[in-house]
């Protein structure tokens, strides 16, 4: 049977129309009714306080989430789970020094490095495992800092990240408060450390993540009673007979985190293995089933060692047996890093995301085809859809998406990120975004915004499953739980992700965590009708928050 040309043309035209309709359908990604109530609200409330809000998965009367599985209770358990799940799969991707290409290592290979470095560290420093001994990490987010932290989790040492590589004052204060005896340091931070040794007399071992150490640097260290070792040498020497793991207890301190944004540099937040595992579990529990991390995922994160979110984000990827990319660390290379490594999960700060938005808008924003495609995708976004399969993704936006490697399916960031940047990522790039809100004292997470909530509202989402939130009246500010339409007050948080306390600061700890276990954030907030939280600002410091006149006074009260 012969088919005439007109029939062929009509058939093709109908197919194109159907494809266009299918690719541009406007049904929302989630039913709007599911976003009308995003939290579980307790039926009763105390005097001068709001009702307690929880994640919908853990209503009042049920236990807050603490662990993803019964066998995973510490960060060492997290590593073991990833190793078992994907032993020969890719674990780490990083650049070799002075090179511009990425290399990768399997979980089995990295596990040998962790055991080797941990054993070499114990041998060289003579420090005893599982004595909660603080060890500094004065280096950026890198494969060395990752291996070191995992080794500390395995052998029971306490990681103390120092992420401001320019401040000698912060370095000296942290070293002296923790009486630190050993420190891991990046090559670029070594000169400042050596200059500060005269005021850091407790340091005896310096391990440098570098391929070169000068004789002059060794001489300066020796002059102050310290010695310098290469990270690679410590790791290699330990691989000859790696020690068995000295498994930590969930209640053991895993990290002491100093918040450099604080007016006082002396508050070290003690976070236990249980705290960080709970935070990781709370985050992963807020991911929809189809969006959870798998062994096929690859994480590229710009959060530093000092950002607690970086710890539980990395842990979530490790637990799934996925891979982790360590970027070059240079702002000018952000897009090159993503294109070279093709991550599927992109975790970054608001500043970096906004700079990416600015750069891409400068490159593509003036084009007429982009403007039309972007306007159409914004219309889809406002209709409740984030997609990469619309006709516009093939016509005008494919190259934009490729600038992040072309495979990113989820961006994770913190508040506050500009609304126009979030809309750009969702519409122009077709990528879901999850924003989180937290404090260092809550292991970096309190709430997360539903990734299908594309509204322009300023809220920070609902509580994650590891904590509960309430607001307490602040008469001086005239914020009360009876305010209409939304209750207002100071944000209080309780759950297994709340810190153990401030290091050697029992008074400050008692001021921040009350007898019922509620952490007072010092921030004002309000609850929206749908159960989400909005931050209204920060309270001013009060006298009771101030540190005592000397560290010795605090220590004597422990």
Protein backbone atom coordinates (compact mmCIF):
# COMPACT_ATOMS: atom_id res chain seq x y z
CA UNK A 1 0.00 0.00 0.00
CA UNK A 2 1.37 3.38 -1.00
CA UNK A 3 1.32 6.32 1.41
CA UNK A 4 1.11 9.72 -0.17
CA UNK A 5 3.28 12.64 0.90
CA UNK A 6 0.40 14.54 2.53
CA UNK A 7 -0.34 11.62 4.88
CA UNK A 8 3.30 11.45 5.92
CA UNK A 9 3.42 15.19 6.58
CA UNK A 10 0.18 15.08 8.63
CA UNK A 11 1.43 12.08 10.64
CA UNK A 12 4.72 13.81 11.44
CA UNK A 13 2.90 17.02 12.34
CA UNK A 14 0.54 15.20 14.72
CA UNK A 15 3.50 13.39 16.33
CA UNK A 16 5.32 16.69 16.85
CA UNK A 17 2.21 18.30 18.36
CA UNK A 18 1.67 15.36 20.73
CA UNK A 19 5.31 15.41 21.74
CA UNK A 20 5.15 19.15 22.33
CA UNK A 21 2.04 18.78 24.50
CA UNK A 22 3.59 15.92 26.48
CA UNK A 23 6.90 17.66 27.03
CA UNK A 24 5.20 20.89 28.07
CA UNK A 25 2.42 19.51 30.21
CA UNK A 26 1.73 21.68 33.21
CA UNK A 27 0.63 19.14 35.80
CA UNK A 28 2.57 19.95 39.01
CA UNK A 29 5.30 17.65 40.30
CA UNK A 30 3.38 17.27 43.55
CA UNK A 31 -0.26 17.83 44.39
CA UNK A 32 -0.66 21.32 45.92
CA UNK A 33 -2.65 19.89 48.83
CA UNK A 34 0.47 18.07 50.03
CA UNK A 35 2.18 21.42 50.56
CA UNK A 36 -0.65 22.95 52.55
CA UNK A 37 0.50 21.25 55.76
CA UNK A 38 4.21 20.39 55.85
CA UNK A 39 4.69 19.75 59.57
CA UNK A 40 3.12 17.75 62.35
CA UNK A 41 1.79 20.18 64.96
CA UNK A 42 1.21 19.08 68.55
CA UNK A 43 -2.41 19.52 69.72
CA UNK A 44 -1.36 21.17 73.00
CA UNK A 45 1.09 23.91 73.88
CA UNK A 46 2.69 25.33 76.99
CA UNK A 47 2.08 28.73 78.47
CA UNK A 48 3.73 31.56 76.49
CA UNK A 49 4.99 29.24 73.82
CA UNK A 50 3.80 27.86 70.51
CA UNK A 51 2.78 24.30 69.77
CA UNK A 52 5.72 21.99 69.08
CA UNK A 53 6.32 21.39 65.37
CA UNK A 54 7.87 18.21 64.00
CA UNK A 55 8.40 16.51 60.67
CA UNK A 56 5.21 14.87 59.41
CA UNK A 57 6.97 11.49 59.57
CA UNK A 58 7.47 11.78 63.36
CA UNK A 59 4.25 13.15 64.90
CA UNK A 60 3.87 13.87 68.61
CA UNK A 61 4.26 10.72 70.69
CA UNK A 62 6.71 9.03 68.32
CA UNK A 63 10.49 8.98 68.63
CA UNK A 64 12.62 11.45 66.74
CA UNK A 65 14.92 9.79 64.22
CA UNK A 66 18.46 9.08 65.40
CA UNK A 67 19.98 6.55 63.02
CA UNK A 68 19.32 5.39 59.44
CA UNK A 69 19.78 1.74 60.42
CA UNK A 70 20.41 0.08 63.77
CA UNK A 71 23.92 -0.91 62.73
CA UNK A 72 24.86 2.67 61.79
CA UNK A 73 25.36 4.67 64.98
CA UNK A 74 28.74 6.38 64.45
CA UNK A 75 30.56 8.02 61.57
CA UNK A 76 32.86 5.00 61.50
CA UNK A 77 29.78 2.83 60.91
CA UNK A 78 28.79 5.17 58.07
CA UNK A 79 32.12 4.56 56.36
CA UNK A 80 31.88 0.80 56.84
CA UNK A 81 28.43 0.79 55.27
CA UNK A 82 29.68 2.59 52.16
CA UNK A 83 32.71 0.33 51.92
CA UNK A 84 30.53 -2.77 52.11
CA UNK A 85 27.98 -1.41 49.63
CA UNK A 86 30.47 -0.44 46.93
CA UNK A 87 33.99 -1.75 47.69
CA UNK A 88 35.42 -1.47 44.18
CA UNK A 89 33.35 1.55 43.17
CA UNK A 90 34.70 5.07 42.87
CA UNK A 91 34.95 6.87 46.20
CA UNK A 92 37.08 10.02 45.83
CA UNK A 93 37.91 12.29 42.90
CA UNK A 94 40.52 15.02 43.30
CA UNK A 95 43.23 16.95 41.51
CA UNK A 96 46.88 16.08 42.05
CA UNK A 97 49.00 19.03 43.14
CA UNK A 98 50.11 21.26 40.26
CA UNK A 99 47.99 19.31 37.77
CA UNK A 100 44.67 20.06 36.08
CA UNK A 101 43.13 16.62 35.66
CA UNK A 102 41.17 14.59 38.21
CA UNK A 103 42.16 11.16 39.53
CA UNK A 104 39.84 8.75 41.30
CA UNK A 105 40.18 6.09 44.01
CA UNK A 106 37.94 3.19 45.02
CA UNK A 107 36.45 2.60 48.47
CA UNK A 108 38.88 -0.26 49.08
CA UNK A 109 41.85 1.91 48.15
CA UNK A 110 40.70 4.81 50.34
CA UNK A 111 40.03 2.38 53.21
CA UNK A 112 43.68 1.31 53.09
CA UNK A 113 44.72 4.97 53.14
CA UNK A 114 42.51 5.65 56.18
CA UNK A 115 43.95 2.69 58.08
CA UNK A 116 47.46 3.63 57.01
CA UNK A 117 47.20 7.26 58.02
CA UNK A 118 45.50 6.45 61.31
CA UNK A 119 48.16 3.91 62.21
CA UNK A 120 50.99 6.19 61.11
CA UNK A 121 49.47 9.05 63.08
CA UNK A 122 49.30 7.00 66.28
CA UNK A 123 52.86 5.76 65.78
CA UNK A 124 54.34 9.19 65.11
CA UNK A 125 52.44 11.20 67.73
CA UNK A 126 52.27 8.54 70.46
CA UNK A 127 48.72 9.74 71.17
CA UNK A 128 46.30 7.15 72.54
CA UNK A 129 43.15 6.21 70.60
CA UNK A 130 39.69 6.96 71.97
CA UNK A 131 40.82 9.42 74.60
CA UNK A 132 38.90 12.30 72.96
CA UNK A 133 42.20 13.96 72.07
CA UNK A 134 41.66 17.05 69.86
CA UNK A 135 43.61 17.11 66.59
CA UNK A 136 43.60 20.17 64.34
CA UNK A 137 42.79 20.17 60.63
CA UNK A 138 44.15 23.48 59.35
CA UNK A 139 43.45 22.77 55.71
CA UNK A 140 40.72 23.26 53.10
CA UNK A 141 38.26 20.57 52.07
CA UNK A 142 40.50 18.00 50.34
CA UNK A 143 41.18 14.29 50.02
CA UNK A 144 43.83 14.60 52.77
CA UNK A 145 41.42 16.23 55.20
CA UNK A 146 38.80 13.59 54.34
CA UNK A 147 41.23 10.71 54.96
CA UNK A 148 42.40 12.33 58.21
CA UNK A 149 38.86 12.83 59.52
CA UNK A 150 37.85 9.27 58.67
CA UNK A 151 40.99 8.03 60.43
CA UNK A 152 40.08 10.05 63.52
CA UNK A 153 36.58 8.57 63.49
CA UNK A 154 38.09 5.09 63.19
CA UNK A 155 40.56 5.48 66.04
CA UNK A 156 38.63 7.73 68.38
CA UNK A 157 40.31 11.13 67.99
CA UNK A 158 38.45 14.44 67.87
CA UNK A 159 38.67 16.47 64.67
CA UNK A 160 39.03 20.23 65.16
CA UNK A 161 38.60 21.94 61.77
CA UNK A 162 40.13 25.41 61.50
CA UNK A 163 38.79 26.74 58.24
CA UNK A 164 39.95 30.36 58.40
CA UNK A 165 43.46 30.01 56.96
CA UNK A 166 44.21 33.73 57.31
CA UNK A 167 43.63 34.39 61.01
CA UNK A 168 46.51 33.69 63.38
CA UNK A 169 44.39 34.90 66.30
CA UNK A 170 41.79 32.20 65.76
CA UNK A 171 44.46 29.56 65.29
CA UNK A 172 46.29 30.46 68.49
CA UNK A 173 43.10 30.60 70.55
CA UNK A 174 41.86 27.22 69.35
CA UNK A 175 45.22 25.51 69.82
CA UNK A 176 45.62 26.83 73.34
CA UNK A 177 42.06 26.13 74.43
CA UNK A 178 42.21 22.51 73.24
CA UNK A 179 45.89 22.02 74.19
CA UNK A 180 46.32 20.54 70.75
CA UNK A 181 49.42 18.37 70.31
CA UNK A 182 49.09 17.51 66.61
CA UNK A 183 47.75 19.33 63.59
CA UNK A 184 47.19 18.58 59.90
CA UNK A 185 48.04 21.62 57.79
CA UNK A 186 47.80 22.60 54.13
CA UNK A 187 50.95 23.80 52.41
CA UNK A 188 49.58 27.31 51.93
CA UNK A 189 48.71 27.57 55.65
CA UNK A 190 52.07 26.28 56.91
CA UNK A 191 53.86 29.68 56.96
CA UNK A 192 51.18 31.21 59.21
CA UNK A 193 51.29 28.17 61.50
CA UNK A 194 55.08 28.39 61.80
CA UNK A 195 54.83 32.10 62.62
CA UNK A 196 52.33 31.27 65.36
CA UNK A 197 54.27 28.40 66.97
CA UNK A 198 55.77 30.70 69.59
CA UNK A 199 52.23 31.12 70.94
CA UNK A 200 51.17 27.49 70.31
CA UNK A 201 53.56 25.66 72.61
CA UNK A 202 51.40 22.52 72.92
CA UNK A 203 51.90 21.53 69.25
CA UNK A 204 54.53 18.83 68.88
CA UNK A 205 53.66 17.25 65.52
CA UNK A 206 52.82 19.05 62.27
CA UNK A 207 51.65 16.89 59.36
CA UNK A 208 51.73 18.77 56.07
CA UNK A 209 49.56 17.88 53.07
CA UNK A 210 52.36 18.76 50.68
CA UNK A 211 54.98 17.18 48.45
CA UNK A 212 57.70 19.56 49.63
CA UNK A 213 58.91 20.79 53.03
CA UNK A 214 61.95 23.05 53.16
CA UNK A 215 64.84 22.65 55.57
CA UNK A 216 64.13 26.16 56.85
CA UNK A 217 60.57 25.17 57.75
CA UNK A 218 61.86 22.12 59.60
CA UNK A 219 64.34 24.31 61.46
CA UNK A 220 61.65 26.79 62.57
CA UNK A 221 59.42 23.98 63.80
CA UNK A 222 62.29 22.34 65.72
CA UNK A 223 63.14 25.68 67.29
CA UNK A 224 59.71 25.61 68.94
CA UNK A 225 59.84 21.95 69.94
CA UNK A 226 57.79 20.59 67.01
CA UNK A 227 58.60 18.43 64.03
CA UNK A 228 57.17 18.42 60.52
CA UNK A 229 56.11 15.30 58.65
CA UNK A 230 54.64 14.78 55.20
CA UNK A 231 51.08 13.49 55.11
CA UNK A 232 51.96 10.93 52.43
CA UNK A 233 54.88 9.58 54.52
CA UNK A 234 52.72 9.13 57.61
CA UNK A 235 50.09 7.33 55.54
CA UNK A 236 52.61 5.09 53.74
CA UNK A 237 54.45 4.08 56.91
CA UNK A 238 51.18 3.10 58.57
CA UNK A 239 50.07 0.84 55.73
CA UNK A 240 52.82 -1.66 56.63
CA UNK A 241 50.77 -2.91 59.56
CA UNK A 242 47.50 -1.05 59.98
CA UNK A 243 45.98 -1.24 63.46
CA UNK A 244 42.51 -2.60 64.10
CA UNK A 245 39.80 0.04 64.45
CA UNK A 246 39.17 1.36 67.95
CA UNK A 247 35.46 1.77 67.47
CA UNK A 248 33.96 4.91 68.99
CA UNK A 249 30.79 5.05 71.03
CA UNK A 250 27.90 7.16 69.69
CA UNK A 251 28.31 9.47 72.70
CA UNK A 252 32.00 10.11 71.95
CA UNK A 253 32.90 13.55 70.64
CA UNK A 254 33.63 13.43 66.91
CA UNK A 255 34.28 17.11 66.26
CA UNK A 256 34.82 20.43 68.00
CA UNK A 257 33.67 23.17 65.67
CA UNK A 258 34.58 26.81 66.17
CA UNK A 259 32.26 29.28 64.51
CA UNK A 260 34.46 32.08 63.16
CA UNK A 261 31.38 34.22 62.49
CA UNK A 262 30.87 34.57 66.23
CA UNK A 263 31.99 37.70 68.09
CA UNK A 264 33.80 35.43 70.54
CA UNK A 265 36.20 33.01 68.93
CA UNK A 266 36.40 30.87 72.03
CA UNK A 267 33.16 28.86 71.76
CA UNK A 268 33.94 25.39 70.46
CA UNK A 269 30.81 23.37 69.70
CA UNK A 270 31.21 19.73 70.76
CA UNK A 271 29.40 17.41 68.37
CA UNK A 272 29.21 13.69 69.06
CA UNK A 273 28.99 10.84 66.59
CA UNK A 274 25.33 10.52 67.59
CA UNK A 275 24.71 14.22 66.84
CA UNK A 276 26.17 14.05 63.34
CA UNK A 277 24.56 10.72 62.45
CA UNK A 278 21.19 12.11 63.58
CA UNK A 279 21.68 15.22 61.41
CA UNK A 280 22.60 13.06 58.42
CA UNK A 281 19.54 10.87 59.04
CA UNK A 282 17.28 13.91 59.36
CA UNK A 283 18.51 15.25 56.03
CA UNK A 284 18.28 11.98 54.10
CA UNK A 285 14.84 11.37 55.58
CA UNK A 286 13.62 14.62 54.04
CA UNK A 287 14.54 13.41 50.55
CA UNK A 288 11.67 11.78 48.60
CA UNK A 289 12.19 8.09 47.86
CA UNK A 290 13.11 8.57 44.21
CA UNK A 291 15.54 11.37 45.10
CA UNK A 292 17.57 9.59 47.78
CA UNK A 293 21.32 9.17 47.29
CA UNK A 294 22.58 5.96 45.65
CA UNK A 295 25.93 4.42 44.79
CA UNK A 296 25.59 5.98 41.31
CA UNK A 297 25.56 9.50 42.72
CA UNK A 298 28.52 11.86 42.85
CA UNK A 299 28.74 14.77 45.28
CA UNK A 300 30.64 17.99 44.62
CA UNK A 301 30.54 20.20 47.71
CA UNK A 302 31.92 23.68 48.34
CA UNK A 303 31.28 23.53 52.08
CA UNK A 304 34.52 23.58 54.09
CA UNK A 305 35.71 21.38 56.95
CA UNK A 306 34.34 23.99 59.33
CA UNK A 307 30.82 23.85 57.88
CA UNK A 308 28.99 21.05 59.68
CA UNK A 309 26.68 20.66 56.69
CA UNK A 310 29.75 19.45 54.77
CA UNK A 311 30.26 16.65 57.29
CA UNK A 312 26.76 15.19 57.14
CA UNK A 313 26.39 15.77 53.39
CA UNK A 314 29.60 13.82 52.79
CA UNK A 315 28.48 11.17 55.27
CA UNK A 316 25.15 10.77 53.46
CA UNK A 317 26.99 10.14 50.20
CA UNK A 318 29.46 7.75 51.81
CA UNK A 319 26.65 5.78 53.46
CA UNK A 320 25.10 5.24 50.01
CA UNK A 321 28.43 4.15 48.52
CA UNK A 322 28.51 7.14 46.15
CA UNK A 323 31.54 9.19 45.15
CA UNK A 324 32.86 12.55 46.37
CA UNK A 325 34.58 15.24 44.32
CA UNK A 326 37.06 17.63 45.93
CA UNK A 327 36.97 20.79 43.82
CA UNK A 328 40.03 22.91 43.06
CA UNK A 329 38.92 25.54 45.55
CA UNK A 330 39.26 28.41 43.09
CA UNK A 331 36.17 30.48 42.31
CA UNK A 332 37.26 30.91 38.69
CA UNK A 333 37.31 27.10 38.28
CA UNK A 334 33.85 26.33 39.70
CA UNK A 335 32.23 25.63 36.33
CA UNK A 336 35.33 23.83 35.03
CA UNK A 337 35.30 21.54 38.09
CA UNK A 338 31.68 20.54 37.49
CA UNK A 339 32.18 19.94 33.78
CA UNK A 340 35.29 17.84 34.42
CA UNK A 341 33.66 15.64 37.10
CA UNK A 342 29.92 15.61 36.14
CA UNK A 343 28.44 15.47 39.67
CA UNK A 344 24.82 14.52 40.27
CA UNK A 345 24.56 16.30 43.63
CA UNK A 346 25.89 19.86 43.89
CA UNK A 347 26.17 21.30 47.41
CA UNK A 348 27.23 24.92 47.56
CA UNK A 349 26.97 28.16 49.47
CA UNK A 350 24.56 30.95 48.54
CA UNK A 351 27.47 33.17 47.46
CA UNK A 352 28.83 30.63 44.97
CA UNK A 353 25.38 29.82 43.57
CA UNK A 354 24.68 33.51 43.08
CA UNK A 355 28.03 34.00 41.28
CA UNK A 356 27.25 31.03 39.00
CA UNK A 357 23.86 32.57 38.23
CA UNK A 358 25.50 35.92 37.48
CA UNK A 359 28.13 34.34 35.20
CA UNK A 360 25.61 32.28 33.23
CA UNK A 361 23.20 35.17 32.92
CA UNK A 362 26.01 37.34 31.56
CA UNK A 363 26.89 34.67 28.99
CA UNK A 364 23.42 33.60 27.86
CA UNK A 365 20.90 36.10 29.25
CA UNK A 366 20.91 38.54 26.34
CA UNK A 367 20.04 35.96 23.67
CA UNK A 368 16.50 36.11 22.29
CA UNK A 369 16.16 32.30 22.18
CA UNK A 370 17.27 32.07 25.81
CA UNK A 371 14.85 34.78 26.91
CA UNK A 372 11.91 33.03 25.26
CA UNK A 373 12.92 29.60 26.57
CA UNK A 374 13.53 30.92 30.10
CA UNK A 375 10.19 32.74 30.20
CA UNK A 376 8.43 29.55 29.16
CA UNK A 377 10.29 27.51 31.79
CA UNK A 378 9.43 30.08 34.46
CA UNK A 379 5.78 29.64 33.51
CA UNK A 380 6.18 25.87 33.98
CA UNK A 381 7.88 26.49 37.34
CA UNK A 382 5.01 28.69 38.50
CA UNK A 383 2.66 25.87 37.44
CA UNK A 384 4.58 23.53 39.76
CA UNK A 385 7.02 21.83 37.38
CA UNK A 386 10.80 21.49 37.31
CA UNK A 387 11.86 19.59 34.21
CA UNK A 388 14.65 18.95 31.73
CA UNK A 389 12.40 17.39 29.08
CA UNK A 390 10.39 20.34 27.84
CA UNK A 391 10.80 21.48 24.26
CA UNK A 392 12.62 24.57 25.55
CA UNK A 393 15.30 22.43 27.19
CA UNK A 394 16.23 21.12 23.77
CA UNK A 395 15.94 24.43 21.94
CA UNK A 396 17.42 27.11 24.15
CA UNK A 397 18.58 25.80 27.54
CA UNK A 398 20.61 22.62 26.95
CA UNK A 399 23.94 24.44 26.95
CA UNK A 400 23.09 26.29 30.16
CA UNK A 401 22.45 23.02 31.98
CA UNK A 402 25.67 21.53 30.60
CA UNK A 403 27.72 24.21 32.35
CA UNK A 404 27.18 22.30 35.63
CA UNK A 405 28.26 19.08 33.98
CA UNK A 406 24.86 18.13 32.59
CA UNK A 407 24.03 15.51 35.23
CA UNK A 408 23.20 17.49 38.39
CA UNK A 409 19.80 16.41 39.69
CA UNK A 410 19.85 18.15 43.07
CA UNK A 411 21.39 21.34 44.44
CA UNK A 412 21.68 21.62 48.23
CA UNK A 413 22.30 25.00 49.81
CA UNK A 414 21.59 27.06 52.90
CA UNK A 415 19.66 30.17 53.71
CA UNK A 416 19.71 32.91 52.56
CA UNK A 417 20.01 32.28 48.82
CA UNK A 418 18.46 34.91 46.54
CA UNK A 419 15.04 33.96 45.19
CA UNK A 420 16.00 34.83 41.61
CA UNK A 421 18.97 32.45 41.83
CA UNK A 422 16.79 29.60 43.10
CA UNK A 423 14.27 30.24 40.31
CA UNK A 424 17.07 30.31 37.73
CA UNK A 425 18.43 26.94 38.85
CA UNK A 426 14.98 25.36 38.84
CA UNK A 427 13.76 26.86 35.57
CA UNK A 428 16.74 27.51 33.31
CA UNK A 429 18.71 24.44 34.46
CA UNK A 430 15.84 22.12 35.39
CA UNK A 431 17.43 21.17 38.71
CA UNK A 432 15.63 20.65 42.01
CA UNK A 433 16.92 22.69 44.95
CA UNK A 434 16.79 21.86 48.64
CA UNK A 435 17.57 24.70 51.05
CA UNK A 436 18.36 23.96 54.68
CA UNK A 437 18.50 26.03 57.83
CA UNK A 438 20.55 25.14 60.88
CA UNK A 439 23.06 26.18 63.48
CA UNK A 440 26.45 24.69 64.30
CA UNK A 441 24.96 23.80 67.70
CA UNK A 442 22.27 21.70 65.96
CA UNK A 443 24.79 19.89 63.78
CA UNK A 444 24.06 22.26 60.93
CA UNK A 445 20.40 21.43 60.33
CA UNK A 446 17.01 22.28 61.83
CA UNK A 447 14.69 22.51 58.84
CA UNK A 448 14.76 21.69 55.15
CA UNK A 449 12.52 23.08 52.47
CA UNK A 450 10.48 20.56 50.52
CA UNK A 451 12.20 20.27 47.13
CA UNK A 452 8.79 20.42 45.41
CA UNK A 453 7.85 23.69 47.11
CA UNK A 454 8.60 26.20 44.36
CA UNK A 455 6.67 29.06 45.94
CA UNK A 456 8.25 32.49 46.33
CA UNK A 457 7.60 32.50 50.08
CA UNK A 458 10.59 33.26 52.32
CA UNK A 459 10.12 30.28 54.63
CA UNK A 460 12.89 27.78 55.45
CA UNK A 461 10.79 24.63 55.36
CA UNK A 462 9.56 22.27 58.03
CA UNK A 463 11.53 20.52 60.80
CA UNK A 464 13.64 17.54 59.77
CA UNK A 465 12.93 14.26 61.51
CA UNK A 466 15.77 14.45 64.05
CA UNK A 467 14.46 17.50 65.93
CA UNK A 468 11.41 19.39 67.07
CA UNK A 469 10.88 23.15 67.21
CA UNK A 470 8.86 25.57 69.28
CA UNK A 471 8.70 29.36 69.68
CA UNK A 472 8.87 31.06 73.06
CA UNK A 473 7.41 34.51 73.72
CA UNK A 474 9.79 37.46 73.73
CA UNK A 475 7.98 40.29 75.53
CA UNK A 476 10.73 42.86 74.87
CA UNK A 477 10.33 42.32 71.14
CA UNK A 478 6.55 41.92 71.52
CA UNK A 479 6.67 38.55 69.78
CA UNK A 480 4.15 36.09 71.22
CA UNK A 481 2.70 32.69 70.43
CA UNK A 482 -0.73 34.34 70.21
CA UNK A 483 0.27 36.65 67.37
CA UNK A 484 -2.01 36.49 64.33
CA UNK A 485 -1.94 35.14 61.74
CA UNK A 486 1.37 33.49 62.69
CA UNK A 487 2.83 32.83 66.15
CA UNK A 488 6.21 34.49 66.75
CA UNK A 489 9.01 34.13 69.29
CA UNK A 490 12.51 32.85 69.91
CA UNK A 491 13.29 29.60 68.06
CA UNK A 492 14.03 26.66 70.37
CA UNK A 493 15.21 23.27 69.10
CA UNK A 494 15.41 19.87 70.79
CA UNK A 495 16.62 16.54 69.45
CA UNK A 496 19.56 14.13 69.11
CA UNK A 497 21.29 16.54 66.71
CA UNK A 498 21.68 19.20 69.43
CA UNK A 499 25.29 19.57 70.57
CA UNK A 500 26.81 18.04 73.67
CA UNK A 501 27.85 21.53 74.74
CA UNK A 502 30.50 24.21 74.35
CA UNK A 503 34.05 22.96 74.89
CA UNK A 504 35.18 23.85 78.43
CA UNK A 505 32.31 26.35 78.72
CA UNK A 506 29.72 24.86 81.11
CA UNK A 507 28.19 28.27 81.88
CA UNK A 508 27.67 29.08 78.22
CA UNK A 509 26.26 25.57 77.69
CA UNK A 510 23.79 25.95 80.55
CA UNK A 511 22.68 29.32 79.16
CA UNK A 512 22.06 27.88 75.70
CA UNK A 513 20.50 24.49 76.58
CA UNK A 514 17.82 24.51 79.27
CA UNK A 515 17.00 21.74 81.73
CA UNK A 516 14.46 20.22 79.32
CA UNK A 517 17.05 19.90 76.56
CA UNK A 518 15.84 22.83 74.43
CA UNK A 519 18.58 24.75 72.63
CA UNK A 520 17.89 28.48 72.54
CA UNK A 521 19.03 29.63 69.12
CA UNK A 522 19.01 33.36 69.86
CA UNK A 523 16.99 33.89 66.68
CA UNK A 524 13.41 35.00 66.25
CA UNK A 525 11.05 33.09 64.03
CA UNK A 526 7.44 32.57 63.08
CA UNK A 527 5.40 29.54 62.05
CA UNK A 528 3.37 29.81 58.88
CA UNK A 529 -0.07 28.23 58.56
CA UNK A 530 1.44 25.34 56.57
CA UNK A 531 3.83 24.50 59.41
CA UNK A 532 6.96 25.96 57.86
CA UNK A 533 9.42 28.18 59.74
CA UNK A 534 10.48 31.69 58.85
CA UNK A 535 13.44 33.42 60.54
CA UNK A 536 12.78 37.04 61.50
CA UNK A 537 16.20 38.06 62.83
CA UNK A 538 18.74 37.56 65.60
CA UNK A 539 18.44 38.55 69.24
CA UNK A 540 21.11 40.78 70.71
CA UNK A 541 23.71 39.19 72.94
CA UNK A 542 22.85 39.25 76.64
CA UNK A 543 25.32 39.31 79.51
CA UNK A 544 24.69 35.71 80.54
CA UNK A 545 25.95 34.57 77.13
CA UNK A 546 29.37 36.10 77.69
CA UNK A 547 32.34 33.93 78.52
CA UNK A 548 33.78 34.11 82.05
CA UNK A 549 36.80 36.29 82.69
CA UNK A 550 39.23 33.44 82.16
CA UNK A 551 39.19 29.91 80.73
CA UNK A 552 40.45 28.58 84.04
CA UNK A 553 37.26 29.73 85.78
CA UNK A 554 35.16 27.76 83.30
CA UNK A 555 37.34 24.64 83.51
CA UNK A 556 37.18 24.60 87.31
CA UNK A 557 33.41 24.31 87.17
CA UNK A 558 33.33 21.20 85.01
